[in-house]
Protein backbone atom coordinates (compact mmCIF):
# COMPACT_ATOMS: atom_id res chain seq x y z
CA LEU A 1 18.10 134.18 231.79
CA PHE A 2 21.50 132.52 231.54
CA ALA A 3 23.28 135.63 232.83
CA SER A 4 20.82 135.80 235.74
CA ALA A 5 21.60 132.18 236.69
CA THR A 6 25.36 132.70 236.66
CA TYR A 7 24.98 135.93 238.61
CA LEU A 8 22.85 134.24 241.28
CA GLU A 9 25.29 131.35 241.52
CA ALA A 10 28.18 133.79 242.01
CA LEU A 11 26.26 135.32 244.91
CA GLY A 12 26.03 131.90 246.53
CA PHE A 13 22.57 130.72 245.54
CA ARG A 14 22.45 126.97 244.99
CA SER A 15 18.78 126.53 244.19
CA MET A 16 16.79 128.63 241.75
CA THR A 17 13.64 128.55 239.68
CA PHE A 18 12.54 130.61 236.69
CA LYS A 19 9.00 131.35 235.53
CA ALA A 20 8.02 133.11 232.33
CA ALA A 21 5.68 136.08 232.78
CA VAL A 22 3.12 135.17 230.17
CA ASN A 23 0.27 137.62 230.71
CA CYS A 24 1.98 140.10 228.41
CA GLN A 25 2.56 140.58 224.70
CA TRP A 26 5.07 137.94 223.58
CA GLN A 27 6.27 137.96 219.97
CA ASP A 28 7.83 135.14 217.93
CA GLN A 29 11.31 136.55 218.43
CA ASP A 30 10.77 136.57 222.19
CA PHE A 31 10.08 132.84 222.20
CA GLU A 32 13.18 132.22 220.08
CA ALA A 33 15.21 134.23 222.59
CA LEU A 34 13.69 132.13 225.40
CA ARG A 35 14.64 128.94 223.56
CA CYS A 36 18.24 130.14 223.19
CA GLN A 37 18.43 131.10 226.85
CA TYR A 38 17.04 127.75 228.00
CA GLU A 39 19.65 125.97 225.87
CA LYS A 40 22.44 127.96 227.53
CA LEU A 41 20.89 127.37 230.93
CA GLY A 42 20.72 123.63 230.21
CA GLU A 43 24.41 123.51 229.26
CA PHE A 44 25.25 125.44 232.44
CA TYR A 45 23.20 122.99 234.54
CA ILE A 46 24.87 119.93 232.98
CA ASP A 47 28.30 121.48 233.46
CA ARG A 48 27.66 122.00 237.16
CA LEU A 49 26.32 118.47 237.62
CA VAL A 50 29.31 116.90 235.88
CA LYS A 51 31.77 119.00 237.91
CA GLY A 52 30.06 117.97 241.15
CA LYS A 53 29.01 121.48 242.04
CA ARG A 54 25.79 121.75 244.00
CA LEU A 55 23.18 123.52 241.89
CA ASN A 56 19.47 122.88 241.63
CA ILE A 57 17.49 124.44 238.80
CA ASP A 58 13.99 123.46 239.78
CA GLU A 59 12.41 123.24 236.32
CA PHE A 60 15.12 120.88 235.10
CA ALA A 61 15.47 118.67 238.19
CA LYS A 62 11.75 118.16 238.70
CA GLY A 63 11.08 117.99 234.97
CA ILE A 64 13.48 115.04 234.65
CA GLN A 65 11.71 113.29 237.53
CA MET A 66 8.33 113.91 235.91
CA VAL A 67 9.47 112.36 232.63
CA HIS A 68 10.10 109.15 234.57
CA SER A 69 7.12 109.09 236.90
CA VAL A 70 3.55 110.20 236.41
CA ALA A 71 3.25 110.03 240.21
CA THR A 72 5.34 113.20 240.50
CA ASN A 73 2.95 115.17 238.30
CA SER A 74 0.65 117.34 240.35
CA LYS A 75 -2.97 117.51 239.31
CA PHE A 76 -3.20 120.99 240.84
CA PRO A 77 -1.83 124.05 239.03
CA CYS A 78 -0.79 125.59 242.36
CA GLY A 79 -1.69 125.69 246.04
CA ALA A 80 -4.23 128.51 245.79
CA GLY A 81 -7.44 127.68 247.63
CA ARG A 82 -5.89 124.53 249.10
CA GLY A 83 -2.68 125.25 250.98
CA VAL A 84 -2.66 129.02 250.47
CA MET A 85 -5.17 131.73 251.33
CA LEU A 86 -5.21 135.48 251.84
CA VAL A 87 -7.14 137.33 254.53
CA ASP A 88 -7.40 141.00 253.64
CA PRO A 89 -7.81 143.92 256.11
CA ARG A 90 -11.60 143.72 255.76
CA GLY A 91 -11.62 140.07 256.85
CA ASP A 92 -12.40 138.72 253.39
CA ILE A 93 -10.74 135.41 252.52
CA TRP A 94 -9.32 134.86 249.04
CA PRO A 95 -7.63 131.84 247.37
CA CYS A 96 -4.21 133.56 247.37
CA HIS A 97 -2.51 136.95 247.38
CA ARG A 98 -3.08 137.29 243.62
CA PHE A 99 -6.85 137.43 243.99
CA GLY A 100 -8.97 140.22 245.38
CA PRO A 101 -12.00 142.42 244.77
CA HIS A 102 -10.36 143.91 241.70
CA GLN A 103 -10.65 140.64 239.75
CA CYS A 104 -13.98 139.78 238.13
CA GLY A 105 -15.97 141.84 240.59
CA GLY A 106 -14.67 139.94 243.61
CA GLN A 107 -16.36 136.68 242.63
CA PHE A 108 -13.39 134.64 243.93
CA ARG A 109 -13.99 135.55 247.57
CA LEU A 110 -14.11 132.29 249.53
CA ALA A 111 -15.58 133.68 252.73
CA THR A 112 -15.52 136.42 255.33
CA LEU A 113 -14.03 135.80 258.77
CA GLY A 114 -16.73 134.40 261.01
CA GLY A 115 -18.93 133.42 258.08
CA PRO A 116 -19.40 130.19 256.10
CA PHE A 117 -17.12 129.20 253.26
CA SER A 118 -18.43 129.08 249.73
CA ASP A 119 -18.41 125.31 249.29
CA ARG A 120 -19.04 125.65 245.57
CA LEU A 121 -15.97 127.80 244.99
CA ARG A 122 -13.80 125.89 247.48
CA ASN A 123 -14.57 122.63 245.69
CA VAL A 124 -13.39 124.13 242.39
CA PHE A 125 -9.91 124.32 243.91
CA LEU A 126 -10.05 121.09 245.92
CA ASN A 127 -11.27 118.94 243.01
CA TYR A 128 -9.19 120.46 240.22
CA ASN A 129 -7.32 118.09 237.90
CA VAL A 130 -4.97 119.51 235.28
CA ILE A 131 -5.42 116.62 232.84
CA GLU A 132 -9.16 116.18 233.26
CA ASP A 133 -10.13 119.82 233.67
CA GLY A 134 -7.50 121.56 231.54
CA SER A 135 -8.22 122.83 228.07
CA ALA A 136 -8.65 120.33 225.24
CA GLU A 137 -5.09 121.06 224.15
CA CYS A 138 -3.70 119.56 227.39
CA HIS A 139 -4.80 116.07 226.37
CA LYS A 140 -2.63 116.03 223.26
CA CYS A 141 0.29 118.17 224.42
CA HIS A 142 3.67 116.43 224.79
CA ALA A 143 4.70 118.91 227.48
CA VAL A 144 1.97 117.66 229.80
CA LEU A 145 4.69 115.34 231.20
CA THR A 146 6.60 118.28 232.63
CA CYS A 147 3.93 120.98 232.86
CA ARG A 148 3.97 121.47 236.61
CA SER A 149 1.79 124.42 237.28
CA TRP A 150 0.17 127.57 236.14
CA CYS A 151 -1.24 130.49 238.05
CA TYR A 152 -5.02 130.64 238.44
CA ALA A 153 -4.92 134.43 238.64
CA GLU A 154 -2.86 134.72 235.46
CA CYS A 155 -5.30 132.35 233.74
CA VAL A 156 -8.19 134.61 234.69
CA ASP A 157 -6.29 137.67 233.49
CA SER A 158 -5.35 136.03 230.18
CA THR A 159 -8.30 133.81 229.26
CA ARG A 160 -11.03 134.60 231.82
CA THR A 161 -11.10 130.97 232.98
CA PHE A 162 -9.21 128.67 235.36
CA TYR A 163 -8.91 125.96 232.74
CA ASP A 164 -6.84 127.48 229.95
CA PRO A 165 -3.52 129.16 230.77
CA GLY A 166 -3.25 130.67 227.30
CA LYS A 167 -1.11 130.11 224.22
CA GLU A 168 1.86 132.10 225.52
CA TYR A 169 2.16 129.98 228.64
CA CYS A 170 1.83 126.74 226.68
CA ARG A 171 4.43 127.79 224.15
CA ALA A 172 6.91 128.74 226.88
CA VAL A 173 6.32 125.44 228.70
CA ASN A 174 6.90 123.48 225.49
CA ILE A 175 10.26 125.21 225.04
CA MET A 176 11.21 124.28 228.60
CA HIS A 177 9.96 120.72 228.05
CA GLN A 178 12.20 120.25 225.01
CA GLU A 179 15.23 121.41 227.02
CA VAL A 180 14.37 118.99 229.84
CA LEU A 181 14.34 116.15 227.30
CA GLN A 182 17.69 117.29 225.89
CA ILE A 183 19.26 117.32 229.36
CA HIS A 184 17.74 113.95 230.21
CA ASP A 185 18.98 112.30 227.00
CA HIS A 186 22.46 113.77 227.41
CA LEU A 187 22.76 112.52 230.98
CA ARG A 188 21.34 109.12 230.08
CA SER A 189 23.93 108.60 227.34
CA LYS A 190 26.96 110.35 228.88
CA HIS A 191 26.44 110.39 232.65
CA PRO A 192 23.93 107.71 233.68
CA ASP A 193 25.14 107.80 237.31
CA ILE A 194 24.23 111.47 237.58
CA LEU A 195 20.83 110.79 236.04
CA ARG A 196 20.20 108.04 238.59
CA ALA A 197 21.21 110.45 241.34
CA LEU A 198 18.73 113.03 240.06
CA LEU A 199 15.97 110.47 239.99
CA GLY A 200 16.87 109.33 243.49
CA GLY A 201 16.93 112.81 244.97
CA SER A 202 18.70 116.03 244.06
CA HIS A 203 20.64 116.11 247.36
CA THR A 204 22.71 113.12 246.19
CA VAL A 205 23.77 114.58 242.85
CA ALA A 206 26.89 116.43 244.00
CA ALA A 207 28.23 113.44 245.97
CA ARG A 208 27.60 111.02 243.11
CA SER A 209 29.18 113.26 240.48
CA ARG A 210 32.27 113.86 242.66
CA ALA A 211 32.66 110.09 243.05
CA ILE A 212 32.47 109.69 239.27
CA ARG A 213 35.23 112.23 238.77
CA GLN A 214 37.43 110.61 241.41
CA ARG A 215 37.09 107.19 239.75
CA ALA A 216 38.00 108.76 236.42
């Protein structure tokens, strides 16, 4: 993960995001490796912020904002069925490109072109709320502050329901959450101006951090 970030930066990428593929067989040692990689990635992110180099790592930047404001927390796992849809060659309409007739006998088909929408299924997506509708574990999970999204299709693959992303996903998100807190606390104690810039908008971070270095 860390090597991938440095490689992408060297190619000129200044904004990146990383998602764990969780619908597979993770072992304890895999999660420990993920923890180590997130720690290295967090140090890399802080180093770039302090040096005034423009770099946005989405999980960290948005995670820090979410720690400070519940308003930034989305109640929707993703845009499927709301802002995203797929129309296949047969004219069938699905919540996103990850769904299709191969999943659960095609029961997630929203409509066919020219026909009525399934209001019942559409409302499942429109009225979803992560905190209210998520599994019982969501209500007592510390990482709910920074848990931004999960994939409906991966949920169905892993747990056969929209409402439980599975233990692997939750464990990976908790590792990320702990790193977000570490970055936040470091910036708050060592570089409060950079933290304020992050909370005010990521586009101001490089300018603020360069000003800090010039004053020093």
